[in-house]
Amino acid sequence: SLYCASVCYQTIASPLMLLVAFSMEGGSAMPQAELWALLGVATVVLLVGASLMGCYMVPEYRKTFYQVMWGTERRPLLPTNCNEPWHLIYRTQITQHNSFKMLVMWMWDERTRCVYGDGSDASRASVLDFATWAWPPSDQVRTWLEGWERWEREQPAWFTEKWKARLRHPSVPPEALPPALRRKFDTANENKERYRRASSSLIRSP
């Protein structure tokens, strides 16, 4: 809608600005005929180009050039298989005026298949590979991470040491971790630090 409004404004304002320029002092010395001809040619080219663009545009996306899409229209219609080409997914996001945050929430709430495997757990695990500022709300992440003990028993394919180390990164909000998991991480860090100090003492001793 902004694009359409901008084009309309420029089309209407250009001849008006030219009239104002001619009416000002010294305007009579300007090559008026040539300037009007140039403006006329530019306007025709603009209208022809806009018409061709409208004709060849995907019909369901045509309304995005003259309508503001709010509410449920902002909801992306994305494939449930995240192995689809990513450029197609992002193109859908751009044409429907959706944000990257909305794409992340779709992955968290609805997607059931991704490179980590099938199921919502695999999809949510892949979401936590993003930067923490893009994560879903902390309470949702915390609720999902309460399944940590079950994953330790079942050992799904995505539950790797590399993925688990991602949750120990300092950028992870403390409120996104369940209390039991946070204590588990703190204990592991303390044991690691204790081992490091003991190793350093042995190295320094004569």
C-alpha atoms as a PDB file:
ATOM      1  CA  SER A   1       0.000   0.000   0.000  1.00  0.00           C
ATOM      2  CA  LEU A   2       2.884   2.406   0.734  1.00  0.00           C
ATOM      3  CA  TYR A   3       4.431   1.639  -2.641  1.00  0.00           C
ATOM      4  CA  CYS A   4       1.177   2.377  -4.444  1.00  0.00           C
ATOM      5  CA  ALA A   5       0.655   5.595  -2.469  1.00  0.00           C
ATOM      6  CA  SER A   6       4.198   6.745  -3.241  1.00  0.00           C
ATOM      7  CA  VAL A   7       3.768   6.156  -6.984  1.00  0.00           C
ATOM      8  CA  CYS A   8       0.463   8.024  -7.034  1.00  0.00           C
ATOM      9  CA  TYR A   9       1.931  10.931  -5.101  1.00  0.00           C
ATOM     10  CA  GLN A  10       4.897  11.276  -7.458  1.00  0.00           C
ATOM     11  CA  THR A  11       2.677  11.072 -10.536  1.00  0.00           C
ATOM     12  CA  ILE A  12       0.397  13.849  -9.274  1.00  0.00           C
ATOM     13  CA  ALA A  13       3.070  16.036  -7.684  1.00  0.00           C
ATOM     14  CA  SER A  14       5.469  16.134 -10.655  1.00  0.00           C
ATOM     15  CA  PRO A  15       3.351  18.335 -12.981  1.00  0.00           C
ATOM     16  CA  LEU A  16       2.355  20.529 -10.042  1.00  0.00           C
ATOM     17  CA  MET A  17       5.999  21.108  -9.123  1.00  0.00           C
ATOM     18  CA  LEU A  18       6.768  21.906 -12.743  1.00  0.00           C
ATOM     19  CA  LEU A  19       3.947  24.484 -12.821  1.00  0.00           C
ATOM     20  CA  VAL A  20       5.272  26.081  -9.635  1.00  0.00           C
ATOM     21  CA  ALA A  21       8.767  26.259 -11.136  1.00  0.00           C
ATOM     22  CA  PHE A  22       7.444  27.989 -14.260  1.00  0.00           C
ATOM     23  CA  SER A  23       5.466  30.504 -12.192  1.00  0.00           C
ATOM     24  CA  MET A  24       8.484  31.548 -10.168  1.00  0.00           C
ATOM     25  CA  GLU A  25      10.802  34.382 -11.170  1.00  0.00           C
ATOM     26  CA  GLY A  26      13.002  33.255 -14.007  1.00  0.00           C
ATOM     27  CA  GLY A  27      10.698  30.403 -14.912  1.00  0.00           C
ATOM     28  CA  SER A  28       9.945  31.899 -18.320  1.00  0.00           C
ATOM     29  CA  ALA A  29      13.564  31.362 -19.311  1.00  0.00           C
ATOM     30  CA  MET A  30      13.269  27.601 -18.811  1.00  0.00           C
ATOM     31  CA  PRO A  31      12.662  25.334 -21.838  1.00  0.00           C
ATOM     32  CA  GLN A  32       9.028  24.690 -20.967  1.00  0.00           C
ATOM     33  CA  ALA A  33       8.117  22.649 -24.042  1.00  0.00           C
ATOM     34  CA  GLU A  34      11.056  20.286 -23.591  1.00  0.00           C
ATOM     35  CA  LEU A  35      10.374  19.843 -19.868  1.00  0.00           C
ATOM     36  CA  TRP A  36       6.685  19.080 -20.435  1.00  0.00           C
ATOM     37  CA  ALA A  37       7.663  16.584 -23.125  1.00  0.00           C
ATOM     38  CA  LEU A  38      10.120  14.854 -20.793  1.00  0.00           C
ATOM     39  CA  LEU A  39       7.534  14.710 -18.034  1.00  0.00           C
ATOM     40  CA  GLY A  40       4.955  13.299 -20.416  1.00  0.00           C
ATOM     41  CA  VAL A  41       7.310  10.578 -21.640  1.00  0.00           C
ATOM     42  CA  ALA A  42       8.290   9.687 -18.048  1.00  0.00           C
ATOM     43  CA  THR A  43       4.625   9.480 -17.001  1.00  0.00           C
ATOM     44  CA  VAL A  44       3.764   7.201 -19.941  1.00  0.00           C
ATOM     45  CA  VAL A  45       6.721   4.939 -19.138  1.00  0.00           C
ATOM     46  CA  LEU A  46       5.620   4.827 -15.492  1.00  0.00           C
ATOM     47  CA  LEU A  47       2.035   3.888 -16.357  1.00  0.00           C
ATOM     48  CA  VAL A  48       3.099   1.249 -18.879  1.00  0.00           C
ATOM     49  CA  GLY A  49       5.575  -0.253 -16.399  1.00  0.00           C
ATOM     50  CA  ALA A  50       2.989  -0.328 -13.611  1.00  0.00           C
ATOM     51  CA  SER A  51       0.458  -1.963 -15.927  1.00  0.00           C
ATOM     52  CA  LEU A  52       2.910  -4.660 -17.011  1.00  0.00           C
ATOM     53  CA  MET A  53       3.888  -5.287 -13.388  1.00  0.00           C
ATOM     54  CA  GLY A  54       0.242  -5.704 -12.432  1.00  0.00           C
ATOM     55  CA  CYS A  55      -0.426  -8.061 -15.325  1.00  0.00           C
ATOM     56  CA  TYR A  56       2.501 -10.368 -14.584  1.00  0.00           C
ATOM     57  CA  MET A  57       2.213 -10.266 -10.804  1.00  0.00           C
ATOM     58  CA  VAL A  58       1.043 -13.389  -8.949  1.00  0.00           C
ATOM     59  CA  PRO A  59      -2.702 -12.680  -8.519  1.00  0.00           C
ATOM     60  CA  GLU A  60      -2.929 -13.517  -4.801  1.00  0.00           C
ATOM     61  CA  TYR A  61      -0.070 -11.089  -4.034  1.00  0.00           C
ATOM     62  CA  ARG A  62      -1.430  -8.227  -6.141  1.00  0.00           C
ATOM     63  CA  LYS A  63      -3.470  -6.823  -3.256  1.00  0.00           C
ATOM     64  CA  THR A  64      -0.311  -6.252  -1.179  1.00  0.00           C
ATOM     65  CA  PHE A  65       0.440  -3.191  -3.349  1.00  0.00           C
ATOM     66  CA  TYR A  66      -2.766  -1.356  -2.472  1.00  0.00           C
ATOM     67  CA  GLN A  67      -4.002  -2.905   0.810  1.00  0.00           C
ATOM     68  CA  VAL A  68      -2.672  -2.816   4.346  1.00  0.00           C
ATOM     69  CA  MET A  69      -2.783  -6.388   5.665  1.00  0.00           C
ATOM     70  CA  TRP A  70      -3.579  -6.722   9.354  1.00  0.00           C
ATOM     71  CA  GLY A  71      -4.907  -9.305  11.771  1.00  0.00           C
ATOM     72  CA  THR A  72      -5.315 -12.852  10.542  1.00  0.00           C
ATOM     73  CA  GLU A  73      -4.044 -11.907   7.078  1.00  0.00           C
ATOM     74  CA  ARG A  74      -0.575 -11.593   8.561  1.00  0.00           C
ATOM     75  CA  ARG A  75      -0.545 -15.297   9.410  1.00  0.00           C
ATOM     76  CA  PRO A  76       1.841 -17.110   7.034  1.00  0.00           C
ATOM     77  CA  LEU A  77       0.705 -20.143   5.094  1.00  0.00           C
ATOM     78  CA  LEU A  78       3.954 -22.081   5.232  1.00  0.00           C
ATOM     79  CA  PRO A  79       4.730 -25.738   4.538  1.00  0.00           C
ATOM     80  CA  THR A  80       4.914 -28.085   7.519  1.00  0.00           C
ATOM     81  CA  ASN A  81       8.103 -29.575   6.081  1.00  0.00           C
ATOM     82  CA  CYS A  82      11.050 -27.341   6.844  1.00  0.00           C
ATOM     83  CA  ASN A  83      13.130 -29.163   4.252  1.00  0.00           C
ATOM     84  CA  GLU A  84      11.363 -26.969   1.736  1.00  0.00           C
ATOM     85  CA  PRO A  85      13.777 -24.464   0.134  1.00  0.00           C
ATOM     86  CA  TRP A  86      14.342 -21.701   2.659  1.00  0.00           C
ATOM     87  CA  HIS A  87      14.268 -18.964   0.042  1.00  0.00           C
ATOM     88  CA  LEU A  88      10.643 -19.946  -0.696  1.00  0.00           C
ATOM     89  CA  ILE A  89       9.709 -19.734   2.976  1.00  0.00           C
ATOM     90  CA  TYR A  90      11.317 -16.306   3.414  1.00  0.00           C
ATOM     91  CA  ARG A  91       9.765 -15.098   0.164  1.00  0.00           C
ATOM     92  CA  THR A  92       6.353 -16.040   1.551  1.00  0.00           C
ATOM     93  CA  GLN A  93       7.173 -14.113   4.720  1.00  0.00           C
ATOM     94  CA  ILE A  94       8.188 -10.989   2.795  1.00  0.00           C
ATOM     95  CA  THR A  95       5.195 -10.931   0.451  1.00  0.00           C
ATOM     96  CA  GLN A  96       2.729 -11.390   3.297  1.00  0.00           C
ATOM     97  CA  HIS A  97       4.332  -8.729   5.523  1.00  0.00           C
ATOM     98  CA  ASN A  98       5.283 -11.140   8.298  1.00  0.00           C
ATOM     99  CA  SER A  99       8.315 -10.808  10.528  1.00  0.00           C
ATOM    100  CA  PHE A 100      11.102 -13.243  11.268  1.00  0.00           C
ATOM    101  CA  LYS A 101       9.720 -13.494  14.798  1.00  0.00           C
ATOM    102  CA  MET A 102       6.419 -14.763  13.383  1.00  0.00           C
ATOM    103  CA  LEU A 103       8.297 -17.348  11.340  1.00  0.00           C
ATOM    104  CA  VAL A 104      10.025 -18.538  14.507  1.00  0.00           C
ATOM    105  CA  MET A 105       6.697 -18.819  16.323  1.00  0.00           C
ATOM    106  CA  TRP A 106       5.275 -20.848  13.434  1.00  0.00           C
ATOM    107  CA  MET A 107       8.270 -23.196  13.714  1.00  0.00           C
ATOM    108  CA  TRP A 108       7.679 -23.471  17.467  1.00  0.00           C
ATOM    109  CA  ASP A 109       3.897 -23.969  17.399  1.00  0.00           C
ATOM    110  CA  GLU A 110       3.072 -25.711  14.140  1.00  0.00           C
ATOM    111  CA  ARG A 111       6.040 -27.199  12.305  1.00  0.00           C
ATOM    112  CA  THR A 112       6.438 -30.946  12.734  1.00  0.00           C
ATOM    113  CA  ARG A 113       9.391 -31.816  10.519  1.00  0.00           C
ATOM    114  CA  CYS A 114      12.857 -30.314  10.079  1.00  0.00           C
ATOM    115  CA  VAL A 115      16.499 -31.207   9.575  1.00  0.00           C
ATOM    116  CA  TYR A 116      16.640 -32.465  13.188  1.00  0.00           C
ATOM    117  CA  GLY A 117      13.909 -35.026  12.494  1.00  0.00           C
ATOM    118  CA  ASP A 118      10.162 -35.456  12.796  1.00  0.00           C
ATOM    119  CA  GLY A 119       7.986 -34.188  15.602  1.00  0.00           C
ATOM    120  CA  SER A 120       7.454 -30.932  17.447  1.00  0.00           C
ATOM    121  CA  ASP A 121      10.358 -31.614  19.840  1.00  0.00           C
ATOM    122  CA  ALA A 122      12.836 -31.786  16.956  1.00  0.00           C
ATOM    123  CA  SER A 123      11.408 -28.614  15.452  1.00  0.00           C
ATOM    124  CA  ARG A 124      11.610 -26.729  18.752  1.00  0.00           C
ATOM    125  CA  ALA A 125      15.150 -27.946  19.304  1.00  0.00           C
ATOM    126  CA  SER A 126      16.140 -26.423  15.970  1.00  0.00           C
ATOM    127  CA  VAL A 127      14.472 -23.119  16.934  1.00  0.00           C
ATOM    128  CA  LEU A 128      16.809 -22.837  19.937  1.00  0.00           C
ATOM    129  CA  ASP A 129      19.733 -22.799  17.487  1.00  0.00           C
ATOM    130  CA  PHE A 130      18.745 -19.218  16.661  1.00  0.00           C
ATOM    131  CA  ALA A 131      20.066 -16.246  18.610  1.00  0.00           C
ATOM    132  CA  THR A 132      18.330 -15.953  21.975  1.00  0.00           C
ATOM    133  CA  TRP A 133      16.656 -12.634  21.050  1.00  0.00           C
ATOM    134  CA  ALA A 134      14.644 -14.556  18.430  1.00  0.00           C
ATOM    135  CA  TRP A 135      13.504 -17.296  20.819  1.00  0.00           C
ATOM    136  CA  PRO A 136       9.838 -17.688  21.762  1.00  0.00           C
ATOM    137  CA  PRO A 137       8.762 -16.247  25.148  1.00  0.00           C
ATOM    138  CA  SER A 138      10.816 -17.579  28.048  1.00  0.00           C
ATOM    139  CA  ASP A 139       7.858 -19.235  29.759  1.00  0.00           C
ATOM    140  CA  GLN A 140       7.171 -21.339  26.654  1.00  0.00           C
ATOM    141  CA  VAL A 141      10.819 -22.366  26.363  1.00  0.00           C
ATOM    142  CA  ARG A 142      10.959 -23.182  30.080  1.00  0.00           C
ATOM    143  CA  THR A 143       7.835 -25.349  29.884  1.00  0.00           C
ATOM    144  CA  TRP A 144       9.223 -27.279  26.931  1.00  0.00           C
ATOM    145  CA  LEU A 145      12.643 -27.782  28.553  1.00  0.00           C
ATOM    146  CA  GLU A 146      10.954 -29.540  31.480  1.00  0.00           C
ATOM    147  CA  GLY A 147      11.138 -32.629  29.290  1.00  0.00           C
ATOM    148  CA  TRP A 148      14.925 -32.739  29.766  1.00  0.00           C
ATOM    149  CA  GLU A 149      14.899 -35.887  31.951  1.00  0.00           C
ATOM    150  CA  ARG A 150      12.771 -37.712  29.397  1.00  0.00           C
ATOM    151  CA  TRP A 151      15.191 -36.788  26.628  1.00  0.00           C
ATOM    152  CA  GLU A 152      18.098 -38.027  28.716  1.00  0.00           C
ATOM    153  CA  ARG A 153      16.367 -41.406  28.914  1.00  0.00           C
ATOM    154  CA  GLU A 154      15.234 -41.564  25.297  1.00  0.00           C
ATOM    155  CA  GLN A 155      18.256 -39.820  23.723  1.00  0.00           C
ATOM    156  CA  PRO A 156      16.610 -38.437  20.560  1.00  0.00           C
ATOM    157  CA  ALA A 157      18.918 -37.788  17.612  1.00  0.00           C
ATOM    158  CA  TRP A 158      18.922 -34.005  18.109  1.00  0.00           C
ATOM    159  CA  PHE A 159      19.798 -34.271  21.836  1.00  0.00           C
ATOM    160  CA  THR A 160      23.546 -33.988  21.261  1.00  0.00           C
ATOM    161  CA  GLU A 161      26.307 -32.525  23.419  1.00  0.00           C
ATOM    162  CA  LYS A 162      26.633 -29.644  20.964  1.00  0.00           C
ATOM    163  CA  TRP A 163      22.942 -28.813  21.269  1.00  0.00           C
ATOM    164  CA  LYS A 164      22.999 -29.114  25.077  1.00  0.00           C
ATOM    165  CA  ALA A 165      26.050 -26.838  25.236  1.00  0.00           C
ATOM    166  CA  ARG A 166      24.016 -24.197  23.398  1.00  0.00           C
ATOM    167  CA  LEU A 167      21.717 -23.896  26.424  1.00  0.00           C
ATOM    168  CA  ARG A 168      24.685 -23.260  28.723  1.00  0.00           C
ATOM    169  CA  HIS A 169      25.709 -20.163  26.778  1.00  0.00           C
ATOM    170  CA  PRO A 170      25.729 -16.958  28.864  1.00  0.00           C
ATOM    171  CA  SER A 171      23.270 -15.316  26.459  1.00  0.00           C
ATOM    172  CA  VAL A 172      20.501 -17.754  27.435  1.00  0.00           C
ATOM    173  CA  PRO A 173      18.029 -15.953  29.741  1.00  0.00           C
ATOM    174  CA  PRO A 174      17.968 -17.636  33.183  1.00  0.00           C
ATOM    175  CA  GLU A 175      14.168 -17.452  33.226  1.00  0.00           C
ATOM    176  CA  ALA A 176      14.050 -19.636  30.092  1.00  0.00           C
ATOM    177  CA  LEU A 177      15.497 -22.590  32.025  1.00  0.00           C
ATOM    178  CA  PRO A 178      13.525 -24.707  34.515  1.00  0.00           C
ATOM    179  CA  PRO A 179      14.939 -24.400  38.067  1.00  0.00           C
ATOM    180  CA  ALA A 180      16.036 -28.046  38.130  1.00  0.00           C
ATOM    181  CA  LEU A 181      17.886 -27.704  34.826  1.00  0.00           C
ATOM    182  CA  ARG A 182      19.489 -24.455  35.925  1.00  0.00           C
ATOM    183  CA  ARG A 183      20.782 -26.135  39.082  1.00  0.00           C
ATOM    184  CA  LYS A 184      22.053 -29.022  36.975  1.00  0.00           C
ATOM    185  CA  PHE A 185      23.992 -26.634  34.752  1.00  0.00           C
ATOM    186  CA  ASP A 186      25.340 -24.708  37.755  1.00  0.00           C
ATOM    187  CA  THR A 187      26.561 -27.922  39.375  1.00  0.00           C
ATOM    188  CA  ALA A 188      28.248 -29.008  36.142  1.00  0.00           C
ATOM    189  CA  ASN A 189      29.953 -25.621  35.837  1.00  0.00           C
ATOM    190  CA  GLU A 190      31.143 -25.776  39.455  1.00  0.00           C
ATOM    191  CA  ASN A 191      32.545 -29.271  38.955  1.00  0.00           C
ATOM    192  CA  LYS A 192      34.270 -28.147  35.787  1.00  0.00           C
ATOM    193  CA  GLU A 193      35.800 -25.151  37.548  1.00  0.00           C
ATOM    194  CA  ARG A 194      36.889 -27.335  40.493  1.00  0.00           C
ATOM    195  CA  TYR A 195      38.560 -29.767  38.104  1.00  0.00           C
ATOM    196  CA  ARG A 196      40.303 -26.915  36.295  1.00  0.00           C
ATOM    197  CA  ARG A 197      41.703 -25.524  39.550  1.00  0.00           C
ATOM    198  CA  ALA A 198      42.862 -28.961  40.682  1.00  0.00           C
ATOM    199  CA  SER A 199      44.616 -29.521  37.351  1.00  0.00           C
ATOM    200  CA  SER A 200      46.285 -26.126  37.552  1.00  0.00           C
ATOM    201  CA  SER A 201      47.542 -26.885  41.082  1.00  0.00           C
ATOM    202  CA  LEU A 202      49.071 -30.173  39.946  1.00  0.00           C
ATOM    203  CA  ILE A 203      50.825 -28.477  37.055  1.00  0.00           C
ATOM    204  CA  ARG A 204      52.309 -25.753  39.296  1.00  0.00           C
ATOM    205  CA  SER A 205      53.434 -28.145  42.065  1.00  0.00           C
ATOM    206  CA  PRO A 206      57.195 -29.126  41.930  1.00  0.00           C
END
